[in-house]
Amino acid sequence: LSPVCLGSLRRAARDYERAIVFRFGKIIGKGKTASQGPGLVIVNPLCDVVKVVDLRVKTLNLIPQSMMTRDSVTCVVDGIVYTQVTDVLRSVLEVEHVVKATELFAATSLRSVVGSHDLQDLLTERTKINRMLKDLIQEETDRWGVTVTNVEVKDITLPTNMQRAMASEAETERERRSKVISSLGELEASDNLRKAAKTIASQPAALQLRYLDTLKNISQEHNSTVLFPFPMEMMKGFQVMTNLSQQRLDEEQARQI
């Protein structure tokens, strides 16, 4: 053989690569010995065909697709899939283009999973969706000698009118929660005021102490105007005195008549 021919008999497989050699259409070796490398692989250029497989993790970027959820909401969803060849022989014999086949099947599986869930589940149960999608893809790629290491739904794009509707719904829900919290605060405050009123009613001096404490707080704020509360009991006394005076006046007028 010439030096040129001898040089062509050698092929180097990198550390992350494995080579499958077909001689007259049949694989050289069986089982684990069928894949050669890393290192130098001897190839006969006249009768051998070499298929090199990359063992590194590959990233499959699923293109955005317009899909419809189970509750008939149209959305655009994309994702990312991480795969790795674990069985070199099966990845060569079972499928023509293992990476392309995995990518297409992952895109189809994504559409199937999205169509079987409501929009609310799709937005809130992201971990569950990812796990279900991974199991579905793995079930098929096991026959190809490919392991799915991870699957993630990257983005979910909703129509503009749906975004406005969801924003309005969220705002209404926040207002409802705010009113509920405010009403619960008023309920607790009224209960505390009732307890305080009972305590003050049992100790009349407590009201005077509370009154003096309020005046102290007002004086610390350097206000030029101080409002003194007028006891309602005194108003009741004045009302009683007015009623007695009116009653006496009516009696005197009746006697004169």
C-alpha atoms as a PDB file:
ATOM      1  CA  LEU A   1       0.000   0.000   0.000  1.00  0.00           C
ATOM      2  CA  SER A   2       1.149   3.555  -0.678  1.00  0.00           C
ATOM      3  CA  PRO A   3       1.875   6.044   2.171  1.00  0.00           C
ATOM      4  CA  VAL A   4      -1.280   7.944   1.256  1.00  0.00           C
ATOM      5  CA  CYS A   5      -3.360   4.789   1.586  1.00  0.00           C
ATOM      6  CA  LEU A   6      -1.700   3.858   4.869  1.00  0.00           C
ATOM      7  CA  GLY A   7      -2.483   7.321   6.278  1.00  0.00           C
ATOM      8  CA  SER A   8      -6.150   6.931   5.439  1.00  0.00           C
ATOM      9  CA  LEU A   9      -6.381   3.727   7.500  1.00  0.00           C
ATOM     10  CA  ARG A  10      -6.153   5.686  10.728  1.00  0.00           C
ATOM     11  CA  ARG A  11      -8.846   7.809  12.344  1.00  0.00           C
ATOM     12  CA  ALA A  12      -8.721   9.398  15.792  1.00  0.00           C
ATOM     13  CA  ALA A  13     -11.819   9.388  18.019  1.00  0.00           C
ATOM     14  CA  ARG A  14     -11.869  12.104  20.660  1.00  0.00           C
ATOM     15  CA  ASP A  15     -12.449  11.356  24.310  1.00  0.00           C
ATOM     16  CA  TYR A  16     -16.149  12.264  24.035  1.00  0.00           C
ATOM     17  CA  GLU A  17     -16.681  10.306  20.809  1.00  0.00           C
ATOM     18  CA  ARG A  18     -17.257   6.659  19.964  1.00  0.00           C
ATOM     19  CA  ALA A  19     -16.933   5.095  16.514  1.00  0.00           C
ATOM     20  CA  ILE A  20     -19.011   2.321  14.938  1.00  0.00           C
ATOM     21  CA  VAL A  21     -17.225   0.639  12.001  1.00  0.00           C
ATOM     22  CA  PHE A  22     -19.302  -1.068   9.273  1.00  0.00           C
ATOM     23  CA  ARG A  23     -17.327  -3.543   7.154  1.00  0.00           C
ATOM     24  CA  PHE A  24     -19.233  -4.635   4.076  1.00  0.00           C
ATOM     25  CA  GLY A  25     -22.394  -3.392   5.809  1.00  0.00           C
ATOM     26  CA  LYS A  26     -21.875  -5.373   9.040  1.00  0.00           C
ATOM     27  CA  ILE A  27     -20.739  -3.947  12.347  1.00  0.00           C
ATOM     28  CA  ILE A  28     -17.308  -5.035  13.546  1.00  0.00           C
ATOM     29  CA  GLY A  29     -17.679  -6.437  17.076  1.00  0.00           C
ATOM     30  CA  LYS A  30     -20.668  -7.258  19.231  1.00  0.00           C
ATOM     31  CA  GLY A  31     -22.270  -5.586  22.228  1.00  0.00           C
ATOM     32  CA  LYS A  32     -19.967  -3.171  24.020  1.00  0.00           C
ATOM     33  CA  THR A  33     -17.048  -4.056  21.752  1.00  0.00           C
ATOM     34  CA  ALA A  34     -18.939  -2.703  18.739  1.00  0.00           C
ATOM     35  CA  SER A  35     -18.136   0.892  19.682  1.00  0.00           C
ATOM     36  CA  GLN A  36     -14.472   1.846  19.363  1.00  0.00           C
ATOM     37  CA  GLY A  37     -12.585   4.701  20.949  1.00  0.00           C
ATOM     38  CA  PRO A  38     -11.461   6.980  22.256  1.00  0.00           C
ATOM     39  CA  GLY A  39      -8.152   6.904  20.501  1.00  0.00           C
ATOM     40  CA  LEU A  40      -6.953   5.594  17.171  1.00  0.00           C
ATOM     41  CA  VAL A  41      -9.416   3.609  15.048  1.00  0.00           C
ATOM     42  CA  ILE A  42      -8.067   1.490  12.198  1.00  0.00           C
ATOM     43  CA  VAL A  43     -10.256   1.772   9.103  1.00  0.00           C
ATOM     44  CA  ASN A  44      -9.969   0.100   5.721  1.00  0.00           C
ATOM     45  CA  PRO A  45     -11.034   2.770   3.218  1.00  0.00           C
ATOM     46  CA  LEU A  46     -11.996   0.166   0.626  1.00  0.00           C
ATOM     47  CA  CYS A  47     -14.656  -1.660   2.624  1.00  0.00           C
ATOM     48  CA  ASP A  48     -15.258   0.188   5.879  1.00  0.00           C
ATOM     49  CA  VAL A  49     -17.718   2.967   6.756  1.00  0.00           C
ATOM     50  CA  VAL A  50     -17.308   4.790  10.065  1.00  0.00           C
ATOM     51  CA  LYS A  51     -20.139   6.343  12.059  1.00  0.00           C
ATOM     52  CA  VAL A  52     -18.947   8.640  14.868  1.00  0.00           C
ATOM     53  CA  VAL A  53     -21.322   9.337  17.792  1.00  0.00           C
ATOM     54  CA  ASP A  54     -20.948  12.296  20.164  1.00  0.00           C
ATOM     55  CA  LEU A  55     -21.520  11.370  23.830  1.00  0.00           C
ATOM     56  CA  ARG A  56     -21.819  14.902  25.136  1.00  0.00           C
ATOM     57  CA  VAL A  57     -25.107  16.358  26.392  1.00  0.00           C
ATOM     58  CA  LYS A  58     -26.932  18.077  23.561  1.00  0.00           C
ATOM     59  CA  THR A  59     -29.280  21.011  23.928  1.00  0.00           C
ATOM     60  CA  LEU A  60     -32.414  20.913  21.790  1.00  0.00           C
ATOM     61  CA  ASN A  61     -34.125  24.269  21.583  1.00  0.00           C
ATOM     62  CA  LEU A  62     -37.787  23.698  20.729  1.00  0.00           C
ATOM     63  CA  ILE A  63     -39.106  26.435  18.469  1.00  0.00           C
ATOM     64  CA  PRO A  64     -42.164  28.396  19.700  1.00  0.00           C
ATOM     65  CA  GLN A  65     -45.420  26.751  18.646  1.00  0.00           C
ATOM     66  CA  SER A  66     -48.981  28.020  18.711  1.00  0.00           C
ATOM     67  CA  MET A  67     -51.003  25.553  20.774  1.00  0.00           C
ATOM     68  CA  MET A  68     -54.457  25.276  22.299  1.00  0.00           C
ATOM     69  CA  THR A  69     -54.984  24.236  25.896  1.00  0.00           C
ATOM     70  CA  ARG A  70     -57.764  21.963  27.124  1.00  0.00           C
ATOM     71  CA  ASP A  71     -59.945  24.974  27.971  1.00  0.00           C
ATOM     72  CA  SER A  72     -59.588  26.323  24.390  1.00  0.00           C
ATOM     73  CA  VAL A  73     -57.048  29.069  25.068  1.00  0.00           C
ATOM     74  CA  THR A  74     -54.490  29.689  22.318  1.00  0.00           C
ATOM     75  CA  CYS A  75     -50.935  30.279  23.516  1.00  0.00           C
ATOM     76  CA  VAL A  76     -47.403  30.133  22.150  1.00  0.00           C
ATOM     77  CA  VAL A  77     -45.117  27.731  24.048  1.00  0.00           C
ATOM     78  CA  ASP A  78     -41.449  26.858  23.610  1.00  0.00           C
ATOM     79  CA  GLY A  79     -39.070  24.682  25.578  1.00  0.00           C
ATOM     80  CA  ILE A  80     -35.622  23.189  25.908  1.00  0.00           C
ATOM     81  CA  VAL A  81     -34.571  19.532  26.104  1.00  0.00           C
ATOM     82  CA  TYR A  82     -31.232  18.130  27.275  1.00  0.00           C
ATOM     83  CA  THR A  83     -30.334  14.703  25.854  1.00  0.00           C
ATOM     84  CA  GLN A  84     -27.326  12.396  25.937  1.00  0.00           C
ATOM     85  CA  VAL A  85     -26.504   9.220  24.010  1.00  0.00           C
ATOM     86  CA  THR A  86     -25.961   6.354  26.444  1.00  0.00           C
ATOM     87  CA  ASP A  87     -26.119   3.415  24.033  1.00  0.00           C
ATOM     88  CA  VAL A  88     -23.978   4.076  20.964  1.00  0.00           C
ATOM     89  CA  LEU A  89     -25.010   0.967  19.059  1.00  0.00           C
ATOM     90  CA  ARG A  90     -28.748   1.540  19.399  1.00  0.00           C
ATOM     91  CA  SER A  91     -28.436   5.236  18.518  1.00  0.00           C
ATOM     92  CA  VAL A  92     -26.922   4.172  15.183  1.00  0.00           C
ATOM     93  CA  LEU A  93     -29.089   1.150  14.380  1.00  0.00           C
ATOM     94  CA  GLU A  94     -32.528   2.191  15.657  1.00  0.00           C
ATOM     95  CA  VAL A  95     -32.870   5.698  14.178  1.00  0.00           C
ATOM     96  CA  GLU A  96     -31.398   7.524  11.208  1.00  0.00           C
ATOM     97  CA  HIS A  97     -30.743  10.949  12.783  1.00  0.00           C
ATOM     98  CA  VAL A  98     -31.012  10.568  16.533  1.00  0.00           C
ATOM     99  CA  VAL A  99     -30.772  14.276  17.394  1.00  0.00           C
ATOM    100  CA  LYS A 100     -33.311  15.351  14.776  1.00  0.00           C
ATOM    101  CA  ALA A 101     -35.693  12.556  15.728  1.00  0.00           C
ATOM    102  CA  THR A 102     -35.503  13.460  19.420  1.00  0.00           C
ATOM    103  CA  GLU A 103     -36.119  17.129  18.663  1.00  0.00           C
ATOM    104  CA  LEU A 104     -39.193  16.441  16.520  1.00  0.00           C
ATOM    105  CA  PHE A 105     -40.658  13.985  18.995  1.00  0.00           C
ATOM    106  CA  ALA A 106     -40.070  16.451  21.875  1.00  0.00           C
ATOM    107  CA  ALA A 107     -41.916  19.187  19.945  1.00  0.00           C
ATOM    108  CA  THR A 108     -44.850  16.842  19.306  1.00  0.00           C
ATOM    109  CA  SER A 109     -44.894  15.733  22.946  1.00  0.00           C
ATOM    110  CA  LEU A 110     -44.924  19.363  24.089  1.00  0.00           C
ATOM    111  CA  ARG A 111     -48.019  20.026  21.987  1.00  0.00           C
ATOM    112  CA  SER A 112     -49.704  16.901  23.363  1.00  0.00           C
ATOM    113  CA  VAL A 113     -48.998  17.781  27.005  1.00  0.00           C
ATOM    114  CA  VAL A 114     -50.144  21.389  26.604  1.00  0.00           C
ATOM    115  CA  GLY A 115     -53.371  20.247  24.945  1.00  0.00           C
ATOM    116  CA  SER A 116     -54.193  17.969  27.883  1.00  0.00           C
ATOM    117  CA  HIS A 117     -53.969  20.702  30.550  1.00  0.00           C
ATOM    118  CA  ASP A 118     -55.874  23.861  31.365  1.00  0.00           C
ATOM    119  CA  LEU A 119     -54.212  27.250  31.124  1.00  0.00           C
ATOM    120  CA  GLN A 120     -54.238  27.627  34.915  1.00  0.00           C
ATOM    121  CA  ASP A 121     -52.361  24.328  35.336  1.00  0.00           C
ATOM    122  CA  LEU A 122     -49.927  25.305  32.602  1.00  0.00           C
ATOM    123  CA  LEU A 123     -49.040  28.537  34.410  1.00  0.00           C
ATOM    124  CA  THR A 124     -48.935  27.252  37.991  1.00  0.00           C
ATOM    125  CA  GLU A 125     -47.911  23.580  37.690  1.00  0.00           C
ATOM    126  CA  ARG A 126     -44.725  24.122  35.674  1.00  0.00           C
ATOM    127  CA  THR A 127     -42.746  21.456  37.565  1.00  0.00           C
ATOM    128  CA  LYS A 128     -45.463  18.874  37.004  1.00  0.00           C
ATOM    129  CA  ILE A 129     -45.638  19.705  33.292  1.00  0.00           C
ATOM    130  CA  ASN A 130     -41.857  19.398  32.923  1.00  0.00           C
ATOM    131  CA  ARG A 131     -41.790  16.033  34.675  1.00  0.00           C
ATOM    132  CA  MET A 132     -44.648  14.676  32.570  1.00  0.00           C
ATOM    133  CA  LEU A 133     -43.012  15.899  29.367  1.00  0.00           C
ATOM    134  CA  LYS A 134     -39.681  14.332  30.342  1.00  0.00           C
ATOM    135  CA  ASP A 135     -41.271  10.935  31.067  1.00  0.00           C
ATOM    136  CA  LEU A 136     -43.147  11.006  27.768  1.00  0.00           C
ATOM    137  CA  ILE A 137     -40.021  11.766  25.727  1.00  0.00           C
ATOM    138  CA  GLN A 138     -37.875   9.318  27.675  1.00  0.00           C
ATOM    139  CA  GLU A 139     -40.312   6.498  27.047  1.00  0.00           C
ATOM    140  CA  GLU A 140     -39.740   6.833  23.297  1.00  0.00           C
ATOM    141  CA  THR A 141     -36.011   7.685  23.231  1.00  0.00           C
ATOM    142  CA  ASP A 142     -35.090   4.681  25.379  1.00  0.00           C
ATOM    143  CA  ARG A 143     -35.387   2.577  22.209  1.00  0.00           C
ATOM    144  CA  TRP A 144     -32.857   4.859  20.536  1.00  0.00           C
ATOM    145  CA  GLY A 145     -30.238   4.652  23.280  1.00  0.00           C
ATOM    146  CA  VAL A 146     -30.832   8.275  24.305  1.00  0.00           C
ATOM    147  CA  THR A 147     -31.369   9.520  27.866  1.00  0.00           C
ATOM    148  CA  VAL A 148     -33.326  12.718  28.517  1.00  0.00           C
ATOM    149  CA  THR A 149     -31.530  14.484  31.365  1.00  0.00           C
ATOM    150  CA  ASN A 150     -33.891  17.436  31.711  1.00  0.00           C
ATOM    151  CA  VAL A 151     -36.843  19.173  30.069  1.00  0.00           C
ATOM    152  CA  GLU A 152     -37.986  22.732  30.731  1.00  0.00           C
ATOM    153  CA  VAL A 153     -40.876  24.779  29.356  1.00  0.00           C
ATOM    154  CA  LYS A 154     -39.197  28.138  28.818  1.00  0.00           C
ATOM    155  CA  ASP A 155     -41.921  30.610  27.959  1.00  0.00           C
ATOM    156  CA  ILE A 156     -45.690  30.775  27.602  1.00  0.00           C
ATOM    157  CA  THR A 157     -46.976  33.716  25.562  1.00  0.00           C
ATOM    158  CA  LEU A 158     -50.660  34.593  25.817  1.00  0.00           C
ATOM    159  CA  PRO A 159     -52.771  36.795  23.512  1.00  0.00           C
ATOM    160  CA  THR A 160     -53.028  40.467  24.495  1.00  0.00           C
ATOM    161  CA  ASN A 161     -56.742  40.299  25.327  1.00  0.00           C
ATOM    162  CA  MET A 162     -56.124  37.277  27.557  1.00  0.00           C
ATOM    163  CA  GLN A 163     -53.321  39.115  29.356  1.00  0.00           C
ATOM    164  CA  ARG A 164     -55.642  42.066  30.035  1.00  0.00           C
ATOM    165  CA  ALA A 165     -58.384  39.736  31.287  1.00  0.00           C
ATOM    166  CA  MET A 166     -55.988  37.935  33.624  1.00  0.00           C
ATOM    167  CA  ALA A 167     -54.589  41.236  34.911  1.00  0.00           C
ATOM    168  CA  SER A 168     -58.119  42.478  35.650  1.00  0.00           C
ATOM    169  CA  GLU A 169     -58.939  39.214  37.414  1.00  0.00           C
ATOM    170  CA  ALA A 170     -55.780  39.428  39.517  1.00  0.00           C
ATOM    171  CA  GLU A 171     -56.516  43.042  40.457  1.00  0.00           C
ATOM    172  CA  THR A 172     -60.064  42.134  41.515  1.00  0.00           C
ATOM    173  CA  GLU A 173     -58.740  39.254  43.596  1.00  0.00           C
ATOM    174  CA  ARG A 174     -56.224  41.553  45.334  1.00  0.00           C
ATOM    175  CA  GLU A 175     -58.982  44.040  46.137  1.00  0.00           C
ATOM    176  CA  ARG A 176     -61.131  41.244  47.564  1.00  0.00           C
ATOM    177  CA  ARG A 177     -58.305  40.044  49.786  1.00  0.00           C
ATOM    178  CA  SER A 178     -57.616  43.609  50.911  1.00  0.00           C
ATOM    179  CA  LYS A 179     -61.239  44.105  51.936  1.00  0.00           C
ATOM    180  CA  VAL A 180     -61.302  40.792  53.778  1.00  0.00           C
ATOM    181  CA  ILE A 181     -58.123  41.652  55.686  1.00  0.00           C
ATOM    182  CA  SER A 182     -59.467  45.127  56.476  1.00  0.00           C
ATOM    183  CA  SER A 183     -62.748  43.720  57.781  1.00  0.00           C
ATOM    184  CA  LEU A 184     -60.900  41.199  59.943  1.00  0.00           C
ATOM    185  CA  GLY A 185     -58.816  44.055  61.343  1.00  0.00           C
ATOM    186  CA  GLU A 186     -61.953  46.030  62.152  1.00  0.00           C
ATOM    187  CA  LEU A 187     -63.432  42.976  63.857  1.00  0.00           C
ATOM    188  CA  GLU A 188     -60.364  42.490  66.042  1.00  0.00           C
ATOM    189  CA  ALA A 189     -60.203  46.215  66.808  1.00  0.00           C
ATOM    190  CA  SER A 190     -63.868  46.316  67.860  1.00  0.00           C
ATOM    191  CA  ASP A 191     -63.356  43.295  70.096  1.00  0.00           C
ATOM    192  CA  ASN A 192     -60.367  44.944  71.759  1.00  0.00           C
ATOM    193  CA  LEU A 193     -62.306  48.189  72.215  1.00  0.00           C
ATOM    194  CA  ARG A 194     -65.138  46.234  73.837  1.00  0.00           C
ATOM    195  CA  LYS A 195     -62.704  44.662  76.300  1.00  0.00           C
ATOM    196  CA  ALA A 196     -61.111  48.053  76.998  1.00  0.00           C
ATOM    197  CA  ALA A 197     -64.540  49.610  77.613  1.00  0.00           C
ATOM    198  CA  LYS A 198     -65.368  46.888  80.152  1.00  0.00           C
ATOM    199  CA  THR A 199     -62.069  47.464  81.937  1.00  0.00           C
ATOM    200  CA  ILE A 200     -62.571  51.239  82.068  1.00  0.00           C
ATOM    201  CA  ALA A 201     -66.185  50.836  83.206  1.00  0.00           C
ATOM    202  CA  SER A 202     -65.070  48.683  86.128  1.00  0.00           C
ATOM    203  CA  GLN A 203     -62.452  51.283  87.132  1.00  0.00           C
ATOM    204  CA  PRO A 204     -63.705  54.881  86.683  1.00  0.00           C
ATOM    205  CA  ALA A 205     -60.263  56.262  87.489  1.00  0.00           C
ATOM    206  CA  ALA A 206     -58.876  54.538  84.393  1.00  0.00           C
ATOM    207  CA  LEU A 207     -60.867  56.883  82.168  1.00  0.00           C
ATOM    208  CA  GLN A 208     -59.318  59.912  83.840  1.00  0.00           C
ATOM    209  CA  LEU A 209     -55.826  58.401  83.497  1.00  0.00           C
ATOM    210  CA  ARG A 210     -56.475  57.721  79.842  1.00  0.00           C
ATOM    211  CA  TYR A 211     -57.641  61.282  79.387  1.00  0.00           C
ATOM    212  CA  LEU A 212     -54.473  62.661  81.010  1.00  0.00           C
ATOM    213  CA  ASP A 213     -52.302  60.375  78.875  1.00  0.00           C
ATOM    214  CA  THR A 214     -53.996  61.708  75.739  1.00  0.00           C
ATOM    215  CA  LEU A 215     -53.320  65.307  76.826  1.00  0.00           C
ATOM    216  CA  LYS A 216     -49.681  64.397  77.394  1.00  0.00           C
ATOM    217  CA  ASN A 217     -49.367  63.003  73.883  1.00  0.00           C
ATOM    218  CA  ILE A 218     -50.977  66.115  72.416  1.00  0.00           C
ATOM    219  CA  SER A 219     -48.595  68.397  74.290  1.00  0.00           C
ATOM    220  CA  GLN A 220     -45.561  66.547  72.909  1.00  0.00           C
ATOM    221  CA  GLU A 221     -46.628  67.347  69.354  1.00  0.00           C
ATOM    222  CA  HIS A 222     -46.412  71.136  70.043  1.00  0.00           C
ATOM    223  CA  ASN A 223     -49.946  71.808  68.908  1.00  0.00           C
ATOM    224  CA  SER A 224     -51.350  75.284  69.400  1.00  0.00           C
ATOM    225  CA  THR A 225     -54.905  73.983  69.753  1.00  0.00           C
ATOM    226  CA  VAL A 226     -56.053  71.424  72.317  1.00  0.00           C
ATOM    227  CA  LEU A 227     -59.519  69.936  72.169  1.00  0.00           C
ATOM    228  CA  PHE A 228     -61.057  68.939  75.507  1.00  0.00           C
ATOM    229  CA  PRO A 229     -63.715  66.262  75.214  1.00  0.00           C
ATOM    230  CA  PHE A 230     -66.998  67.184  76.837  1.00  0.00           C
ATOM    231  CA  PRO A 231     -68.463  64.310  78.878  1.00  0.00           C
ATOM    232  CA  MET A 232     -71.809  63.133  77.562  1.00  0.00           C
ATOM    233  CA  GLU A 233     -72.939  62.481  81.145  1.00  0.00           C
ATOM    234  CA  MET A 234     -72.971  66.213  81.773  1.00  0.00           C
ATOM    235  CA  MET A 235     -75.107  66.724  78.711  1.00  0.00           C
ATOM    236  CA  LYS A 236     -77.565  64.210  80.087  1.00  0.00           C
ATOM    237  CA  GLY A 237     -77.635  66.136  83.375  1.00  0.00           C
ATOM    238  CA  PHE A 238     -78.369  69.388  81.567  1.00  0.00           C
ATOM    239  CA  GLN A 239     -81.098  67.622  79.626  1.00  0.00           C
ATOM    240  CA  VAL A 240     -82.708  66.385  82.858  1.00  0.00           C
ATOM    241  CA  MET A 241     -82.567  69.866  84.409  1.00  0.00           C
ATOM    242  CA  THR A 242     -84.105  71.368  81.262  1.00  0.00           C
ATOM    243  CA  ASN A 243     -86.922  68.823  81.327  1.00  0.00           C
ATOM    244  CA  LEU A 244     -87.667  69.556  85.020  1.00  0.00           C
ATOM    245  CA  SER A 245     -87.730  73.301  84.380  1.00  0.00           C
ATOM    246  CA  GLN A 246     -90.084  72.850  81.448  1.00  0.00           C
ATOM    247  CA  GLN A 247     -92.322  70.569  83.522  1.00  0.00           C
ATOM    248  CA  ARG A 248     -92.554  73.125  86.361  1.00  0.00           C
ATOM    249  CA  LEU A 249     -93.320  75.914  83.893  1.00  0.00           C
ATOM    250  CA  ASP A 250     -96.127  73.844  82.381  1.00  0.00           C
ATOM    251  CA  GLU A 251     -97.572  73.130  85.843  1.00  0.00           C
ATOM    252  CA  GLU A 252     -97.566  76.833  86.782  1.00  0.00           C
ATOM    253  CA  GLN A 253     -99.308  77.760  83.535  1.00  0.00           C
ATOM    254  CA  ALA A 254    -101.906  75.071  84.145  1.00  0.00           C
ATOM    255  CA  ARG A 255    -102.626  76.460  87.644  1.00  0.00           C
ATOM    256  CA  GLN A 256    -103.082  79.966  86.335  1.00  0.00           C
ATOM    257  CA  ILE A 257    -105.627  78.732  83.816  1.00  0.00           C
END
